[in-house]
Amino acid sequence: MDGVTNTTFALLPMSILGFFTNWFVFQSLLRLKSFRHSFGYLSASQSLADAIHSSIFLFFFCPMILLNQPTMKKYVNHLGFGILTCYELSLYTHFAISINRVFAVWIPRSYSTAFSVQNTIVIIGIIWTVIVFLNATFYEYLCEILYDEQSFSLVFGKTETCGLVGLYGDLFKNLIAIIILIIFDILTLVGVRKTRASISIGTATQHKISNREKRFLKQIIFQSIIFVLELSSYFFIPQLTKKPLVFFYSTTFAYVTVHVLDGLCMIIIYPDIRALLFCRKHTIQSSSLNKT
């Protein structure tokens, strides 16, 4: 019972925080006029995936562990499908946001066409459709996801097919995406600084751009680091030890935490979202690089 208590009461507060944080960020992005553009809609899509992910942990995974519910454990494969799908929806929407930024900085003349509101909705629809279809194929048909009673975590089945799905369909695929994402973010940051250095502007305008750059830089560093650390924790730390609690914190707990940090990142970085949280009126230009 000690193991159940320790894991549940570590996971439960994080799941509650993720639930309220991400649903708040999602509805804030839909309400704020400063986010009614391509960048804002992509960010809302990512927040929605994070919010669903936290909701699954709060209303399914935590009660399953705490109550030791056999009926819920019977459907743990579907639980794993939902959790992995939401994680990848968040990751690949962030990937699309990185491409959005590259266009805004390096190909500004094509930005309005490539990332019009209509095209952005299509991009979001493609991401959700492809990820749901691929993961349904991987985790509902090819590989069964199991619940490990010892580590209180979800694990891939022990079959050869599951080994291939875990290695290529999960680890390598997501690792490559994160590496490309980081390269895109670095290119964008370089482009922002290059553009700023080549344009002569007034002090007030320069101050606004400087603040926007700071928020942008914080978002790049923060979100890239948490994705890399989470993926490293999930796949590599369990190879170094067989201790159940270490496995739990490096996999399940890390999986929940990365989505909580995504929501907190948005609240910390964007003053207009914080203003809604504290019920203050705050007019601020969106920190996206191009609002069209």
C-alpha atoms as a PDB file:
ATOM      1  CA  MET A   1       0.000   0.000   0.000  1.00  0.00           C
ATOM      2  CA  ASP A   2       2.962   2.321   0.618  1.00  0.00           C
ATOM      3  CA  GLY A   3       3.946   2.146  -3.050  1.00  0.00           C
ATOM      4  CA  VAL A   4       0.402   2.930  -4.138  1.00  0.00           C
ATOM      5  CA  THR A   5       0.202   5.862  -1.722  1.00  0.00           C
ATOM      6  CA  ASN A   6       3.578   7.293  -2.746  1.00  0.00           C
ATOM      7  CA  THR A   7       2.943   7.118  -6.468  1.00  0.00           C
ATOM      8  CA  THR A   8      -0.663   8.285  -6.358  1.00  0.00           C
ATOM      9  CA  PHE A   9      -0.016  11.284  -4.140  1.00  0.00           C
ATOM     10  CA  ALA A  10       2.970  12.266  -6.263  1.00  0.00           C
ATOM     11  CA  LEU A  11       0.933  11.979  -9.438  1.00  0.00           C
ATOM     12  CA  LEU A  12      -2.397  13.365  -8.248  1.00  0.00           C
ATOM     13  CA  PRO A  13      -1.316  16.965  -7.444  1.00  0.00           C
ATOM     14  CA  MET A  14       0.596  17.185 -10.736  1.00  0.00           C
ATOM     15  CA  SER A  15      -2.426  15.887 -12.657  1.00  0.00           C
ATOM     16  CA  ILE A  16      -4.735  18.390 -10.939  1.00  0.00           C
ATOM     17  CA  LEU A  17      -2.319  21.243 -11.692  1.00  0.00           C
ATOM     18  CA  GLY A  18      -2.041  20.132 -15.318  1.00  0.00           C
ATOM     19  CA  PHE A  19      -5.824  19.815 -15.658  1.00  0.00           C
ATOM     20  CA  PHE A  20      -6.614  23.340 -14.465  1.00  0.00           C
ATOM     21  CA  THR A  21      -3.536  24.978 -16.030  1.00  0.00           C
ATOM     22  CA  ASN A  22      -3.941  23.565 -19.520  1.00  0.00           C
ATOM     23  CA  TRP A  23      -7.717  23.997 -19.743  1.00  0.00           C
ATOM     24  CA  PHE A  24      -7.259  27.592 -18.562  1.00  0.00           C
ATOM     25  CA  VAL A  25      -4.553  28.264 -21.164  1.00  0.00           C
ATOM     26  CA  PHE A  26      -6.682  26.668 -23.889  1.00  0.00           C
ATOM     27  CA  GLN A  27      -9.751  28.790 -23.186  1.00  0.00           C
ATOM     28  CA  SER A  28      -7.559  31.891 -22.732  1.00  0.00           C
ATOM     29  CA  LEU A  29      -6.000  31.450 -26.171  1.00  0.00           C
ATOM     30  CA  LEU A  30      -9.483  31.209 -27.687  1.00  0.00           C
ATOM     31  CA  ARG A  31     -10.664  34.332 -25.849  1.00  0.00           C
ATOM     32  CA  LEU A  32      -7.711  36.658 -26.421  1.00  0.00           C
ATOM     33  CA  LYS A  33      -7.807  38.736 -29.596  1.00  0.00           C
ATOM     34  CA  SER A  34      -4.002  38.894 -29.608  1.00  0.00           C
ATOM     35  CA  PHE A  35      -3.910  35.150 -30.379  1.00  0.00           C
ATOM     36  CA  ARG A  36      -6.486  35.088 -33.171  1.00  0.00           C
ATOM     37  CA  HIS A  37      -3.966  34.206 -35.862  1.00  0.00           C
ATOM     38  CA  SER A  38      -1.980  31.182 -37.015  1.00  0.00           C
ATOM     39  CA  PHE A  39       0.430  31.102 -34.076  1.00  0.00           C
ATOM     40  CA  GLY A  40      -2.424  31.443 -31.606  1.00  0.00           C
ATOM     41  CA  TYR A  41      -4.539  28.671 -33.120  1.00  0.00           C
ATOM     42  CA  LEU A  42      -1.573  26.296 -33.211  1.00  0.00           C
ATOM     43  CA  SER A  43      -0.810  27.120 -29.577  1.00  0.00           C
ATOM     44  CA  ALA A  44      -4.456  26.469 -28.688  1.00  0.00           C
ATOM     45  CA  SER A  45      -4.279  23.083 -30.412  1.00  0.00           C
ATOM     46  CA  GLN A  46      -1.196  22.187 -28.391  1.00  0.00           C
ATOM     47  CA  SER A  47      -2.861  23.324 -25.164  1.00  0.00           C
ATOM     48  CA  LEU A  48      -5.919  21.209 -25.960  1.00  0.00           C
ATOM     49  CA  ALA A  49      -3.751  18.099 -26.348  1.00  0.00           C
ATOM     50  CA  ASP A  50      -2.005  18.924 -23.050  1.00  0.00           C
ATOM     51  CA  ALA A  51      -5.361  19.453 -21.328  1.00  0.00           C
ATOM     52  CA  ILE A  52      -6.781  16.122 -22.526  1.00  0.00           C
ATOM     53  CA  HIS A  53      -3.560  14.387 -21.470  1.00  0.00           C
ATOM     54  CA  SER A  54      -3.811  15.797 -17.924  1.00  0.00           C
ATOM     55  CA  SER A  55      -7.530  14.935 -17.791  1.00  0.00           C
ATOM     56  CA  ILE A  56      -6.830  11.284 -18.666  1.00  0.00           C
ATOM     57  CA  PHE A  57      -4.317  11.016 -15.848  1.00  0.00           C
ATOM     58  CA  LEU A  58      -6.580  12.780 -13.346  1.00  0.00           C
ATOM     59  CA  PHE A  59      -9.822  10.916 -14.071  1.00  0.00           C
ATOM     60  CA  PHE A  60      -8.545   7.515 -15.221  1.00  0.00           C
ATOM     61  CA  PHE A  61      -4.944   6.709 -14.327  1.00  0.00           C
ATOM     62  CA  CYS A  62      -4.885   8.059 -10.745  1.00  0.00           C
ATOM     63  CA  PRO A  63      -8.204   6.436  -9.719  1.00  0.00           C
ATOM     64  CA  MET A  64      -7.082   3.168 -11.344  1.00  0.00           C
ATOM     65  CA  ILE A  65      -3.977   3.049  -9.127  1.00  0.00           C
ATOM     66  CA  LEU A  66      -5.580   4.366  -5.946  1.00  0.00           C
ATOM     67  CA  LEU A  67      -8.686   2.160  -6.107  1.00  0.00           C
ATOM     68  CA  ASN A  68      -6.897  -0.816  -7.657  1.00  0.00           C
ATOM     69  CA  GLN A  69      -9.844  -1.041 -10.043  1.00  0.00           C
ATOM     70  CA  PRO A  70      -9.770  -4.252 -12.156  1.00  0.00           C
ATOM     71  CA  THR A  71     -12.397  -2.961 -14.614  1.00  0.00           C
ATOM     72  CA  MET A  72     -10.289   0.110 -15.381  1.00  0.00           C
ATOM     73  CA  LYS A  73      -7.158  -2.028 -15.701  1.00  0.00           C
ATOM     74  CA  LYS A  74      -8.986  -4.123 -18.275  1.00  0.00           C
ATOM     75  CA  TYR A  75      -9.031  -1.129 -20.615  1.00  0.00           C
ATOM     76  CA  VAL A  76      -5.486   0.041 -19.887  1.00  0.00           C
ATOM     77  CA  ASN A  77      -4.477  -0.489 -23.525  1.00  0.00           C
ATOM     78  CA  HIS A  78      -6.930   2.238 -24.576  1.00  0.00           C
ATOM     79  CA  LEU A  79      -5.578   4.414 -21.764  1.00  0.00           C
ATOM     80  CA  GLY A  80      -2.064   4.009 -23.147  1.00  0.00           C
ATOM     81  CA  PHE A  81      -3.278   4.864 -26.634  1.00  0.00           C
ATOM     82  CA  GLY A  82      -4.880   8.080 -25.353  1.00  0.00           C
ATOM     83  CA  ILE A  83      -1.848   9.154 -23.332  1.00  0.00           C
ATOM     84  CA  LEU A  84       0.683   8.510 -26.118  1.00  0.00           C
ATOM     85  CA  THR A  85      -1.572  10.169 -28.687  1.00  0.00           C
ATOM     86  CA  CYS A  86      -1.973  13.349 -26.627  1.00  0.00           C
ATOM     87  CA  TYR A  87       1.779  13.501 -26.027  1.00  0.00           C
ATOM     88  CA  GLU A  88       2.504  13.285 -29.755  1.00  0.00           C
ATOM     89  CA  LEU A  89      -0.263  15.742 -30.638  1.00  0.00           C
ATOM     90  CA  SER A  90       1.420  18.251 -28.331  1.00  0.00           C
ATOM     91  CA  LEU A  91       4.886  17.484 -29.716  1.00  0.00           C
ATOM     92  CA  TYR A  92       3.980  17.671 -33.412  1.00  0.00           C
ATOM     93  CA  THR A  93       1.844  20.765 -32.960  1.00  0.00           C
ATOM     94  CA  HIS A  94       4.901  22.363 -31.367  1.00  0.00           C
ATOM     95  CA  PHE A  95       6.812  21.150 -34.432  1.00  0.00           C
ATOM     96  CA  ALA A  96       4.297  23.019 -36.637  1.00  0.00           C
ATOM     97  CA  ILE A  97       4.710  26.125 -34.465  1.00  0.00           C
ATOM     98  CA  SER A  98       8.471  25.968 -35.067  1.00  0.00           C
ATOM     99  CA  ILE A  99       7.895  25.823 -38.836  1.00  0.00           C
ATOM    100  CA  ASN A 100       5.486  28.747 -38.442  1.00  0.00           C
ATOM    101  CA  ARG A 101       8.258  30.784 -36.802  1.00  0.00           C
ATOM    102  CA  VAL A 102      10.802  29.879 -39.472  1.00  0.00           C
ATOM    103  CA  PHE A 103       8.418  31.139 -42.166  1.00  0.00           C
ATOM    104  CA  ALA A 104       7.688  34.329 -40.219  1.00  0.00           C
ATOM    105  CA  VAL A 105      11.387  35.198 -39.897  1.00  0.00           C
ATOM    106  CA  TRP A 106      13.067  33.797 -43.008  1.00  0.00           C
ATOM    107  CA  ILE A 107      10.237  33.758 -45.580  1.00  0.00           C
ATOM    108  CA  PRO A 108       7.939  36.600 -44.440  1.00  0.00           C
ATOM    109  CA  ARG A 109       6.491  37.213 -47.920  1.00  0.00           C
ATOM    110  CA  SER A 110       5.095  33.676 -48.034  1.00  0.00           C
ATOM    111  CA  TYR A 111       3.965  33.605 -44.418  1.00  0.00           C
ATOM    112  CA  SER A 112       0.504  35.079 -44.929  1.00  0.00           C
ATOM    113  CA  THR A 113      -0.271  32.545 -47.639  1.00  0.00           C
ATOM    114  CA  ALA A 114       1.298  29.475 -46.053  1.00  0.00           C
ATOM    115  CA  PHE A 115      -0.109  30.189 -42.590  1.00  0.00           C
ATOM    116  CA  SER A 116      -3.423  31.815 -43.310  1.00  0.00           C
ATOM    117  CA  VAL A 117      -6.138  30.975 -40.779  1.00  0.00           C
ATOM    118  CA  GLN A 118      -7.721  28.543 -43.228  1.00  0.00           C
ATOM    119  CA  ASN A 119      -4.428  26.764 -43.927  1.00  0.00           C
ATOM    120  CA  THR A 120      -3.642  26.665 -40.211  1.00  0.00           C
ATOM    121  CA  ILE A 121      -6.941  24.883 -39.494  1.00  0.00           C
ATOM    122  CA  VAL A 122      -6.077  22.389 -42.253  1.00  0.00           C
ATOM    123  CA  ILE A 123      -2.592  21.849 -40.736  1.00  0.00           C
ATOM    124  CA  ILE A 124      -4.114  21.228 -37.300  1.00  0.00           C
ATOM    125  CA  GLY A 125      -6.632  18.811 -38.798  1.00  0.00           C
ATOM    126  CA  ILE A 126      -3.875  16.894 -40.613  1.00  0.00           C
ATOM    127  CA  ILE A 127      -1.761  16.625 -37.445  1.00  0.00           C
ATOM    128  CA  TRP A 128      -4.660  15.279 -35.375  1.00  0.00           C
ATOM    129  CA  THR A 129      -5.828  12.885 -38.086  1.00  0.00           C
ATOM    130  CA  VAL A 130      -2.390  11.430 -38.867  1.00  0.00           C
ATOM    131  CA  ILE A 131      -1.313  11.047 -35.225  1.00  0.00           C
ATOM    132  CA  VAL A 132      -4.597   9.439 -34.158  1.00  0.00           C
ATOM    133  CA  PHE A 133      -4.540   7.051 -37.139  1.00  0.00           C
ATOM    134  CA  LEU A 134      -0.875   6.034 -36.679  1.00  0.00           C
ATOM    135  CA  ASN A 135      -1.193   5.539 -32.942  1.00  0.00           C
ATOM    136  CA  ALA A 136      -4.424   3.597 -33.301  1.00  0.00           C
ATOM    137  CA  THR A 137      -2.563   1.296 -35.685  1.00  0.00           C
ATOM    138  CA  PHE A 138       0.457   1.004 -33.376  1.00  0.00           C
ATOM    139  CA  TYR A 139      -1.207   0.693 -29.992  1.00  0.00           C
ATOM    140  CA  GLU A 140      -4.655  -0.719 -30.703  1.00  0.00           C
ATOM    141  CA  TYR A 141      -3.662  -3.370 -33.265  1.00  0.00           C
ATOM    142  CA  LEU A 142       0.090  -3.990 -33.511  1.00  0.00           C
ATOM    143  CA  CYS A 143       1.227  -3.613 -29.907  1.00  0.00           C
ATOM    144  CA  GLU A 144      -0.588  -3.978 -26.600  1.00  0.00           C
ATOM    145  CA  ILE A 145       0.233  -1.520 -23.829  1.00  0.00           C
ATOM    146  CA  LEU A 146       0.273  -3.092 -20.375  1.00  0.00           C
ATOM    147  CA  TYR A 147       0.061  -1.829 -16.799  1.00  0.00           C
ATOM    148  CA  ASP A 148       3.052  -2.839 -14.675  1.00  0.00           C
ATOM    149  CA  GLU A 149       1.915  -3.409 -11.080  1.00  0.00           C
ATOM    150  CA  GLN A 150       5.471  -3.150  -9.736  1.00  0.00           C
ATOM    151  CA  SER A 151       6.316   0.290 -11.137  1.00  0.00           C
ATOM    152  CA  PHE A 152       2.741   1.643 -11.423  1.00  0.00           C
ATOM    153  CA  SER A 153       3.507   2.551 -15.029  1.00  0.00           C
ATOM    154  CA  LEU A 154       2.421   1.752 -18.561  1.00  0.00           C
ATOM    155  CA  VAL A 155       4.840  -0.404 -20.548  1.00  0.00           C
ATOM    156  CA  PHE A 156       5.027  -1.829 -24.042  1.00  0.00           C
ATOM    157  CA  GLY A 157       4.209  -5.509 -24.421  1.00  0.00           C
ATOM    158  CA  LYS A 158       7.082  -8.012 -24.483  1.00  0.00           C
ATOM    159  CA  THR A 159       6.548  -9.144 -28.085  1.00  0.00           C
ATOM    160  CA  GLU A 160       9.014  -8.526 -30.905  1.00  0.00           C
ATOM    161  CA  THR A 161       6.477  -6.305 -32.661  1.00  0.00           C
ATOM    162  CA  CYS A 162       6.097  -4.146 -29.548  1.00  0.00           C
ATOM    163  CA  GLY A 163       9.869  -3.819 -29.374  1.00  0.00           C
ATOM    164  CA  LEU A 164       9.952  -2.493 -32.929  1.00  0.00           C
ATOM    165  CA  VAL A 165       6.993  -0.166 -32.325  1.00  0.00           C
ATOM    166  CA  GLY A 166       8.600   1.216 -29.165  1.00  0.00           C
ATOM    167  CA  LEU A 167      11.985   1.710 -30.815  1.00  0.00           C
ATOM    168  CA  TYR A 168      11.014   3.059 -34.231  1.00  0.00           C
ATOM    169  CA  GLY A 169       7.390   4.165 -33.854  1.00  0.00           C
ATOM    170  CA  ASP A 170       7.996   5.971 -30.583  1.00  0.00           C
ATOM    171  CA  LEU A 171      11.634   6.652 -29.618  1.00  0.00           C
ATOM    172  CA  PHE A 172      13.351   7.300 -32.971  1.00  0.00           C
ATOM    173  CA  LYS A 173      10.375   9.065 -34.536  1.00  0.00           C
ATOM    174  CA  ASN A 174       9.931  11.497 -31.632  1.00  0.00           C
ATOM    175  CA  LEU A 175      13.673  11.974 -31.105  1.00  0.00           C
ATOM    176  CA  ILE A 176      14.180  12.985 -34.739  1.00  0.00           C
ATOM    177  CA  ALA A 177      11.223  15.371 -34.496  1.00  0.00           C
ATOM    178  CA  ILE A 178      12.677  17.029 -31.378  1.00  0.00           C
ATOM    179  CA  ILE A 179      16.116  17.427 -32.990  1.00  0.00           C
ATOM    180  CA  ILE A 180      14.606  19.060 -36.098  1.00  0.00           C
ATOM    181  CA  LEU A 181      12.385  21.202 -33.856  1.00  0.00           C
ATOM    182  CA  ILE A 182      15.422  22.511 -31.969  1.00  0.00           C
ATOM    183  CA  ILE A 183      17.238  23.276 -35.249  1.00  0.00           C
ATOM    184  CA  PHE A 184      14.197  25.248 -36.492  1.00  0.00           C
ATOM    185  CA  ASP A 185      13.996  27.200 -33.229  1.00  0.00           C
ATOM    186  CA  ILE A 186      17.693  28.083 -33.363  1.00  0.00           C
ATOM    187  CA  LEU A 187      17.335  29.213 -36.997  1.00  0.00           C
ATOM    188  CA  THR A 188      14.412  31.410 -36.004  1.00  0.00           C
ATOM    189  CA  LEU A 189      16.299  32.963 -33.112  1.00  0.00           C
ATOM    190  CA  VAL A 190      19.257  33.716 -35.391  1.00  0.00           C
ATOM    191  CA  GLY A 191      16.880  35.242 -37.925  1.00  0.00           C
ATOM    192  CA  VAL A 192      15.213  37.454 -35.317  1.00  0.00           C
ATOM    193  CA  ARG A 193      18.537  38.845 -34.131  1.00  0.00           C
ATOM    194  CA  LYS A 194      19.743  39.336 -37.701  1.00  0.00           C
ATOM    195  CA  THR A 195      16.577  41.229 -38.621  1.00  0.00           C
ATOM    196  CA  ARG A 196      16.780  43.380 -35.515  1.00  0.00           C
ATOM    197  CA  ALA A 197      20.408  44.296 -36.198  1.00  0.00           C
ATOM    198  CA  SER A 198      19.671  45.320 -39.793  1.00  0.00           C
ATOM    199  CA  ILE A 199      16.716  47.610 -39.056  1.00  0.00           C
ATOM    200  CA  SER A 200      17.024  51.115 -37.630  1.00  0.00           C
ATOM    201  CA  ILE A 201      14.075  51.762 -35.299  1.00  0.00           C
ATOM    202  CA  GLY A 202      13.104  54.114 -32.507  1.00  0.00           C
ATOM    203  CA  THR A 203      13.765  53.469 -28.817  1.00  0.00           C
ATOM    204  CA  ALA A 204      10.127  52.704 -27.916  1.00  0.00           C
ATOM    205  CA  THR A 205       9.716  50.257 -30.776  1.00  0.00           C
ATOM    206  CA  GLN A 206      13.077  48.681 -29.986  1.00  0.00           C
ATOM    207  CA  HIS A 207      11.950  48.177 -26.391  1.00  0.00           C
ATOM    208  CA  LYS A 208       8.805  46.357 -27.562  1.00  0.00           C
ATOM    209  CA  ILE A 209      10.809  44.125 -29.883  1.00  0.00           C
ATOM    210  CA  SER A 210      13.330  43.459 -27.138  1.00  0.00           C
ATOM    211  CA  ASN A 211      10.578  42.305 -24.765  1.00  0.00           C
ATOM    212  CA  ARG A 212       9.065  40.180 -27.524  1.00  0.00           C
ATOM    213  CA  GLU A 213      12.463  38.599 -28.200  1.00  0.00           C
ATOM    214  CA  LYS A 214      12.931  37.802 -24.521  1.00  0.00           C
ATOM    215  CA  ARG A 215       9.582  36.009 -24.347  1.00  0.00           C
ATOM    216  CA  PHE A 216      10.350  34.209 -27.572  1.00  0.00           C
ATOM    217  CA  LEU A 217      13.796  33.144 -26.340  1.00  0.00           C
ATOM    218  CA  LYS A 218      12.350  31.894 -23.046  1.00  0.00           C
ATOM    219  CA  GLN A 219       9.751  29.818 -24.879  1.00  0.00           C
ATOM    220  CA  ILE A 220      12.359  28.274 -27.198  1.00  0.00           C
ATOM    221  CA  ILE A 221      14.696  27.304 -24.367  1.00  0.00           C
ATOM    222  CA  PHE A 222      12.019  26.153 -21.940  1.00  0.00           C
ATOM    223  CA  GLN A 223       9.905  23.998 -24.254  1.00  0.00           C
ATOM    224  CA  SER A 224      12.869  22.480 -26.076  1.00  0.00           C
ATOM    225  CA  ILE A 225      14.583  21.530 -22.816  1.00  0.00           C
ATOM    226  CA  ILE A 226      11.509  19.910 -21.288  1.00  0.00           C
ATOM    227  CA  PHE A 227      10.863  17.804 -24.402  1.00  0.00           C
ATOM    228  CA  VAL A 228      14.473  16.619 -24.566  1.00  0.00           C
ATOM    229  CA  LEU A 229      14.676  15.884 -20.835  1.00  0.00           C
ATOM    230  CA  GLU A 230      11.365  14.031 -20.819  1.00  0.00           C
ATOM    231  CA  LEU A 231      12.264  11.840 -23.785  1.00  0.00           C
ATOM    232  CA  SER A 232      15.699  11.107 -22.298  1.00  0.00           C
ATOM    233  CA  SER A 233      14.171  10.318 -18.920  1.00  0.00           C
ATOM    234  CA  TYR A 234      11.515   8.055 -20.406  1.00  0.00           C
ATOM    235  CA  PHE A 235      13.804   5.886 -22.497  1.00  0.00           C
ATOM    236  CA  PHE A 236      17.268   5.968 -20.920  1.00  0.00           C
ATOM    237  CA  ILE A 237      16.954   6.188 -17.129  1.00  0.00           C
ATOM    238  CA  PRO A 238      14.929   2.935 -16.853  1.00  0.00           C
ATOM    239  CA  GLN A 239      17.825   1.157 -18.588  1.00  0.00           C
ATOM    240  CA  LEU A 240      20.159   2.121 -15.729  1.00  0.00           C
ATOM    241  CA  THR A 241      18.147   0.736 -12.811  1.00  0.00           C
ATOM    242  CA  LYS A 242      15.428  -1.787 -12.033  1.00  0.00           C
ATOM    243  CA  LYS A 243      14.019   0.096  -9.038  1.00  0.00           C
ATOM    244  CA  PRO A 244      10.211   0.472  -9.489  1.00  0.00           C
ATOM    245  CA  LEU A 245      10.024   3.984  -8.011  1.00  0.00           C
ATOM    246  CA  VAL A 246      12.839   5.262 -10.237  1.00  0.00           C
ATOM    247  CA  PHE A 247      11.043   3.747 -13.233  1.00  0.00           C
ATOM    248  CA  PHE A 248       7.787   5.429 -12.173  1.00  0.00           C
ATOM    249  CA  TYR A 249       9.290   8.900 -11.740  1.00  0.00           C
ATOM    250  CA  SER A 250      11.360   8.728 -14.941  1.00  0.00           C
ATOM    251  CA  THR A 251       8.437   7.565 -17.086  1.00  0.00           C
ATOM    252  CA  THR A 252       4.891   8.111 -15.823  1.00  0.00           C
ATOM    253  CA  PHE A 253       5.598  11.104 -13.596  1.00  0.00           C
ATOM    254  CA  ALA A 254       7.819  12.712 -16.251  1.00  0.00           C
ATOM    255  CA  TYR A 255       5.072  12.146 -18.829  1.00  0.00           C
ATOM    256  CA  VAL A 256       2.588  14.112 -16.724  1.00  0.00           C
ATOM    257  CA  THR A 257       5.063  16.820 -15.764  1.00  0.00           C
ATOM    258  CA  VAL A 258       6.073  17.745 -19.316  1.00  0.00           C
ATOM    259  CA  HIS A 259       2.473  18.715 -20.141  1.00  0.00           C
ATOM    260  CA  VAL A 260       2.059  20.656 -16.911  1.00  0.00           C
ATOM    261  CA  LEU A 261       5.218  22.623 -17.703  1.00  0.00           C
ATOM    262  CA  ASP A 262       3.886  23.407 -21.178  1.00  0.00           C
ATOM    263  CA  GLY A 263       0.859  25.122 -19.661  1.00  0.00           C
ATOM    264  CA  LEU A 264       2.865  26.904 -16.985  1.00  0.00           C
ATOM    265  CA  CYS A 265       5.292  28.071 -19.673  1.00  0.00           C
ATOM    266  CA  MET A 266       2.470  29.853 -21.520  1.00  0.00           C
ATOM    267  CA  ILE A 267       1.212  31.525 -18.342  1.00  0.00           C
ATOM    268  CA  ILE A 268       4.675  32.643 -17.224  1.00  0.00           C
ATOM    269  CA  ILE A 269       5.774  33.975 -20.628  1.00  0.00           C
ATOM    270  CA  TYR A 270       2.650  35.773 -21.888  1.00  0.00           C
ATOM    271  CA  PRO A 271       1.396  38.727 -19.782  1.00  0.00           C
ATOM    272  CA  ASP A 272      -2.024  38.763 -21.480  1.00  0.00           C
ATOM    273  CA  ILE A 273      -2.711  35.181 -20.330  1.00  0.00           C
ATOM    274  CA  ARG A 274      -1.548  36.070 -16.809  1.00  0.00           C
ATOM    275  CA  ALA A 275      -3.868  39.063 -16.862  1.00  0.00           C
ATOM    276  CA  LEU A 276      -6.849  36.751 -17.456  1.00  0.00           C
ATOM    277  CA  LEU A 277      -5.687  34.488 -14.626  1.00  0.00           C
ATOM    278  CA  PHE A 278      -5.644  37.415 -12.175  1.00  0.00           C
ATOM    279  CA  CYS A 279      -8.729  39.063 -13.713  1.00  0.00           C
ATOM    280  CA  ARG A 280      -6.816  42.158 -14.789  1.00  0.00           C
ATOM    281  CA  LYS A 281      -7.250  44.179 -17.959  1.00  0.00           C
ATOM    282  CA  HIS A 282      -4.056  43.997 -19.960  1.00  0.00           C
ATOM    283  CA  THR A 283      -3.548  45.119 -23.532  1.00  0.00           C
ATOM    284  CA  ILE A 284      -0.418  43.740 -25.118  1.00  0.00           C
ATOM    285  CA  GLN A 285       0.758  42.901 -28.591  1.00  0.00           C
ATOM    286  CA  SER A 286       0.971  39.172 -29.179  1.00  0.00           C
ATOM    287  CA  SER A 287       4.486  37.829 -29.002  1.00  0.00           C
ATOM    288  CA  SER A 288       4.236  35.897 -32.218  1.00  0.00           C
ATOM    289  CA  LEU A 289       6.593  37.079 -34.914  1.00  0.00           C
ATOM    290  CA  ASN A 290       3.904  37.691 -37.470  1.00  0.00           C
ATOM    291  CA  LYS A 291       0.225  38.184 -36.687  1.00  0.00           C
ATOM    292  CA  THR A 292      -1.187  37.541 -40.144  1.00  0.00           C
END
